[in-house]
Amino acid sequence: MPEYWFASIPGDGNRTVAFQNFKAKIASSQNDLSEVAPLPIPEFKIGTLDTLVVLSEDLAKQDAAFEGSVSKLVETLRSLLGSEAPTKLAGCLSVNE
């Protein structure tokens, strides 16, 4: 059964370069058995109250998108496991070990 991971990598300098470096390391260590895709998150610039309001709205949208992705993943796992879902689903869903 495939594993799905959401990873956060440090954005030292250019985020495109950081992503490409991460993708290259994963590909070389997994013999191209993995797929890496970015999850775009807007730049967070804090300044005025208006900017903070816009930022809070963006965070709510990102939270909903991430929650939807995780829910879809759980539903896919549940459908793949079939009748064994109640016993094996908890073992398939782990965060930080």
Protein backbone atom coordinates (compact mmCIF):
# COMPACT_ATOMS: atom_id res chain seq x y z
CA MET A 1 0.00 0.00 0.00
CA PRO A 2 1.44 3.42 -0.90
CA GLU A 3 2.31 5.97 1.74
CA TYR A 4 1.38 9.63 1.46
CA TRP A 5 3.40 12.26 3.32
CA PHE A 6 2.96 16.00 3.65
CA ALA A 7 6.43 17.47 4.23
CA SER A 8 7.45 20.99 5.10
CA ILE A 9 10.93 22.01 3.97
CA PRO A 10 12.88 25.12 4.94
CA GLY A 11 12.75 27.83 2.32
CA ASP A 12 16.38 28.94 2.31
CA GLY A 13 16.44 31.62 -0.36
CA ASN A 14 14.46 30.64 -3.44
CA ARG A 15 11.60 28.22 -2.70
CA THR A 16 11.77 26.73 -6.21
CA VAL A 17 15.43 25.78 -5.69
CA ALA A 18 14.64 24.34 -2.23
CA PHE A 19 11.81 22.25 -3.73
CA GLN A 20 13.99 20.97 -6.59
CA ASN A 21 16.76 20.01 -4.12
CA PHE A 22 14.23 18.15 -1.95
CA LYS A 23 12.75 16.40 -4.98
CA ALA A 24 16.21 15.35 -6.19
CA LYS A 25 17.12 13.90 -2.79
CA ILE A 26 13.86 11.95 -2.55
CA ALA A 27 14.20 10.63 -6.09
CA SER A 28 17.79 9.49 -5.57
CA SER A 29 17.03 7.78 -2.26
CA GLN A 30 13.85 6.05 -3.50
CA ASN A 31 15.03 4.94 -6.97
CA ASP A 32 12.26 7.05 -8.59
CA LEU A 33 9.52 5.16 -6.75
CA SER A 34 8.13 8.36 -5.25
CA GLU A 35 6.31 11.37 -6.56
CA VAL A 36 6.84 14.85 -5.11
CA ALA A 37 4.44 17.73 -5.74
CA PRO A 38 4.34 21.22 -4.21
CA LEU A 39 1.38 22.50 -2.22
CA PRO A 40 1.39 26.25 -2.90
CA ILE A 41 1.03 28.50 0.13
CA PRO A 42 0.89 32.27 -0.32
CA GLU A 43 3.68 34.54 0.87
CA PHE A 44 2.97 35.79 4.38
CA LYS A 45 3.68 39.51 4.60
CA ILE A 46 2.60 41.26 7.77
CA GLY A 47 2.24 45.02 7.85
CA THR A 48 -1.06 46.79 8.32
CA LEU A 49 -4.31 45.64 9.87
CA ASP A 50 -5.78 45.17 6.38
CA THR A 51 -2.93 42.87 5.49
CA LEU A 52 -3.51 40.85 8.67
CA VAL A 53 -7.21 40.47 7.82
CA VAL A 54 -6.36 39.26 4.31
CA LEU A 55 -3.76 36.92 5.82
CA SER A 56 -6.29 35.39 8.21
CA GLU A 57 -8.67 34.82 5.28
CA ASP A 58 -5.87 33.12 3.31
CA LEU A 59 -5.04 30.91 6.28
CA ALA A 60 -8.67 29.80 6.52
CA LYS A 61 -8.64 28.86 2.82
CA GLN A 62 -5.37 26.95 3.20
CA ASP A 63 -6.71 25.15 6.26
CA ALA A 64 -9.83 24.09 4.36
CA ALA A 65 -7.75 22.90 1.38
CA PHE A 66 -5.40 20.88 3.60
CA GLU A 67 -8.27 19.39 5.61
CA GLY A 68 -10.00 18.42 2.36
CA SER A 69 -6.83 16.72 1.08
CA VAL A 70 -6.43 14.72 4.28
CA SER A 71 -10.12 13.75 4.35
CA LYS A 72 -9.94 12.58 0.74
CA LEU A 73 -6.86 10.52 1.57
CA VAL A 74 -8.63 8.86 4.53
CA GLU A 75 -11.69 8.07 2.41
CA THR A 76 -9.48 6.57 -0.32
CA LEU A 77 -7.69 4.39 2.22
CA ARG A 78 -11.01 3.33 3.74
CA SER A 79 -12.35 2.29 0.32
CA LEU A 80 -9.13 0.43 -0.56
CA LEU A 81 -9.12 -1.52 2.70
CA GLY A 82 -12.72 -2.62 2.25
CA SER A 83 -14.00 -4.87 5.03
CA GLU A 84 -10.69 -4.61 6.92
CA ALA A 85 -11.02 -0.82 7.23
CA PRO A 86 -11.97 -0.58 10.92
CA THR A 87 -8.99 -2.62 12.11
CA LYS A 88 -6.28 -1.53 9.67
CA LEU A 89 -7.21 2.12 9.09
CA ALA A 90 -5.75 3.32 12.39
CA GLY A 91 -2.45 1.66 11.54
CA CYS A 92 -2.33 3.36 8.15
CA LEU A 93 -2.94 6.85 9.54
CA SER A 94 0.00 8.01 11.61
CA VAL A 95 1.50 11.41 12.24
CA ASN A 96 5.00 11.73 13.70
CA GLU A 97 5.42 7.98 14.17
